[in-house]
Amino acid sequence: MVPLRHLGRVLALYAALVAGAALLLVRAGGLEPEIGLLAALNLGTFTAFLWDKRAAKRAASRLPEVALLTMAAAMGALGALLAMHLARHKTAKVAFRWGVPALLVVQLVLLAA
C-alpha cells in the first residue's frame, strides 16, 4: 500500500490527470465544461479503483482507502460504484458498500438542485 504520507501526492496526481482529461473532453469532444469535468472525475475514479484491484491481485503497492473514498466524494461516486461492481473490488468493506452509494445519492441531489 502507498503510505498515507503520500496521500497528497496521490490526490495531486489524480487532480492533474482529471484536469487534463476534462480539458481534452471539452476541447476535442465538444462537451460543456461541467459535463466534461464530471465525466473526467468519474473516469479517473473508475480507473483508480481498477488500478487498485490490479495491484491487489499482484500484491503490489496499493492506493490508500482514504484516497479512493476521497475520489468518490469528489463527484466520482458513479465511477467508483461501477468499478466496484464490475471488478468486484471493495464490495465487502462497509465504508465502500454503503458509503459510495450514499455519496452517489448526495451527488445526484446536488446536481439536480
Protein backbone atom coordinates (compact mmCIF):
# COMPACT_ATOMS: atom_id res chain seq x y z
CA MET A 1 0.00 0.00 0.00
CA VAL A 2 1.18 3.51 -0.75
CA PRO A 3 1.97 5.06 2.65
CA LEU A 4 -0.52 7.63 3.92
CA ARG A 5 2.23 10.22 3.90
CA HIS A 6 1.99 10.07 0.10
CA LEU A 7 -1.77 10.69 0.08
CA GLY A 8 -1.29 14.29 -1.02
CA ARG A 9 0.86 13.19 -3.95
CA VAL A 10 -1.66 10.55 -4.99
CA LEU A 11 -4.53 13.04 -4.91
CA ALA A 12 -2.45 15.71 -6.69
CA LEU A 13 -1.67 13.25 -9.48
CA TYR A 14 -5.36 12.32 -9.65
CA ALA A 15 -6.31 16.01 -9.87
CA ALA A 16 -3.78 16.65 -12.64
CA LEU A 17 -4.97 13.66 -14.66
CA VAL A 18 -8.62 14.62 -14.21
CA ALA A 19 -7.92 18.22 -15.24
CA GLY A 20 -6.13 17.03 -18.37
CA ALA A 21 -8.89 14.60 -19.24
CA ALA A 22 -11.55 17.26 -18.67
CA LEU A 23 -9.72 19.70 -20.91
CA LEU A 24 -9.42 17.06 -23.61
CA LEU A 25 -13.11 16.13 -23.35
CA VAL A 26 -14.16 19.78 -23.57
CA ARG A 27 -11.81 20.83 -26.36
CA ALA A 28 -11.74 17.71 -28.53
CA GLY A 29 -15.05 16.14 -27.53
CA GLY A 30 -17.10 19.30 -27.66
CA LEU A 31 -18.65 18.73 -24.23
CA GLU A 32 -19.83 21.50 -21.96
CA PRO A 33 -17.20 22.23 -19.28
CA GLU A 34 -19.36 20.94 -16.41
CA ILE A 35 -20.15 17.69 -18.23
CA GLY A 36 -16.52 17.24 -19.26
CA LEU A 37 -15.36 17.71 -15.67
CA LEU A 38 -17.93 15.25 -14.30
CA ALA A 39 -17.01 12.69 -16.95
CA ALA A 40 -13.30 13.11 -16.22
CA LEU A 41 -13.81 12.84 -12.44
CA ASN A 42 -15.78 9.62 -12.82
CA LEU A 43 -13.39 8.18 -15.40
CA GLY A 44 -10.45 8.97 -13.14
CA THR A 45 -12.13 7.40 -10.12
CA PHE A 46 -13.13 4.33 -12.14
CA THR A 47 -9.55 3.94 -13.35
CA ALA A 48 -8.13 4.36 -9.83
CA PHE A 49 -10.39 1.61 -8.47
CA LEU A 50 -9.42 -0.75 -11.31
CA TRP A 51 -5.72 0.09 -10.81
CA ASP A 52 -6.05 -0.71 -7.10
CA LYS A 53 -7.78 -4.01 -7.89
CA ARG A 54 -4.98 -4.95 -10.27
CA ALA A 55 -2.38 -4.02 -7.66
CA ALA A 56 -4.21 -6.14 -5.08
CA LYS A 57 -4.06 -9.18 -7.36
CA ARG A 58 -0.33 -8.67 -7.92
CA ALA A 59 0.47 -7.88 -4.27
CA ALA A 60 1.87 -4.56 -5.47
CA SER A 61 1.75 -1.10 -3.92
CA ARG A 62 -1.88 -0.04 -3.49
CA LEU A 63 -3.81 3.17 -3.03
CA PRO A 64 -4.94 4.05 0.50
CA GLU A 65 -8.65 3.52 1.06
CA VAL A 66 -8.98 7.14 2.11
CA ALA A 67 -7.71 8.17 -1.35
CA LEU A 68 -10.30 6.02 -3.09
CA LEU A 69 -13.07 7.38 -0.87
CA THR A 70 -11.87 10.95 -1.44
CA MET A 71 -12.01 10.42 -5.19
CA ALA A 72 -15.53 9.06 -4.86
CA ALA A 73 -16.55 12.00 -2.67
CA ALA A 74 -15.17 14.48 -5.23
CA MET A 75 -18.14 13.84 -7.55
CA GLY A 76 -16.70 10.49 -8.67
CA ALA A 77 -19.15 8.18 -6.89
CA LEU A 78 -20.69 6.85 -10.10
CA GLY A 79 -17.29 5.79 -11.43
CA ALA A 80 -16.43 4.25 -8.06
CA LEU A 81 -19.69 2.31 -7.89
CA LEU A 82 -19.33 1.00 -11.44
CA ALA A 83 -15.75 -0.11 -10.81
CA MET A 84 -16.69 -1.74 -7.51
CA HIS A 85 -19.30 -3.90 -9.18
CA LEU A 86 -17.50 -4.61 -12.45
CA ALA A 87 -14.23 -5.56 -10.75
CA ARG A 88 -15.76 -6.85 -7.51
CA HIS A 89 -13.42 -4.56 -5.62
CA LYS A 90 -14.01 -3.19 -2.09
CA THR A 91 -17.56 -4.56 -2.04
CA ALA A 92 -17.07 -6.28 1.33
CA LYS A 93 -15.84 -3.13 3.08
CA VAL A 94 -18.68 -1.35 4.89
CA ALA A 95 -17.32 2.12 4.15
CA PHE A 96 -17.44 1.33 0.45
CA ARG A 97 -20.55 -0.85 0.34
CA TRP A 98 -22.73 1.80 1.99
CA GLY A 99 -20.64 4.95 1.67
CA VAL A 100 -20.21 5.06 -2.09
CA PRO A 101 -23.94 4.61 -2.89
CA ALA A 102 -24.77 7.23 -0.24
CA LEU A 103 -22.26 9.60 -1.85
CA LEU A 104 -23.85 8.96 -5.24
CA VAL A 105 -27.31 9.86 -3.90
CA VAL A 106 -25.97 13.07 -2.36
CA GLN A 107 -24.17 13.95 -5.60
CA LEU A 108 -27.29 13.32 -7.69
CA VAL A 109 -29.32 15.55 -5.36
CA LEU A 110 -26.68 18.27 -5.63
CA LEU A 111 -26.67 18.04 -9.42
CA ALA A 112 -30.47 18.15 -9.60
CA ALA A 113 -30.65 21.26 -7.43
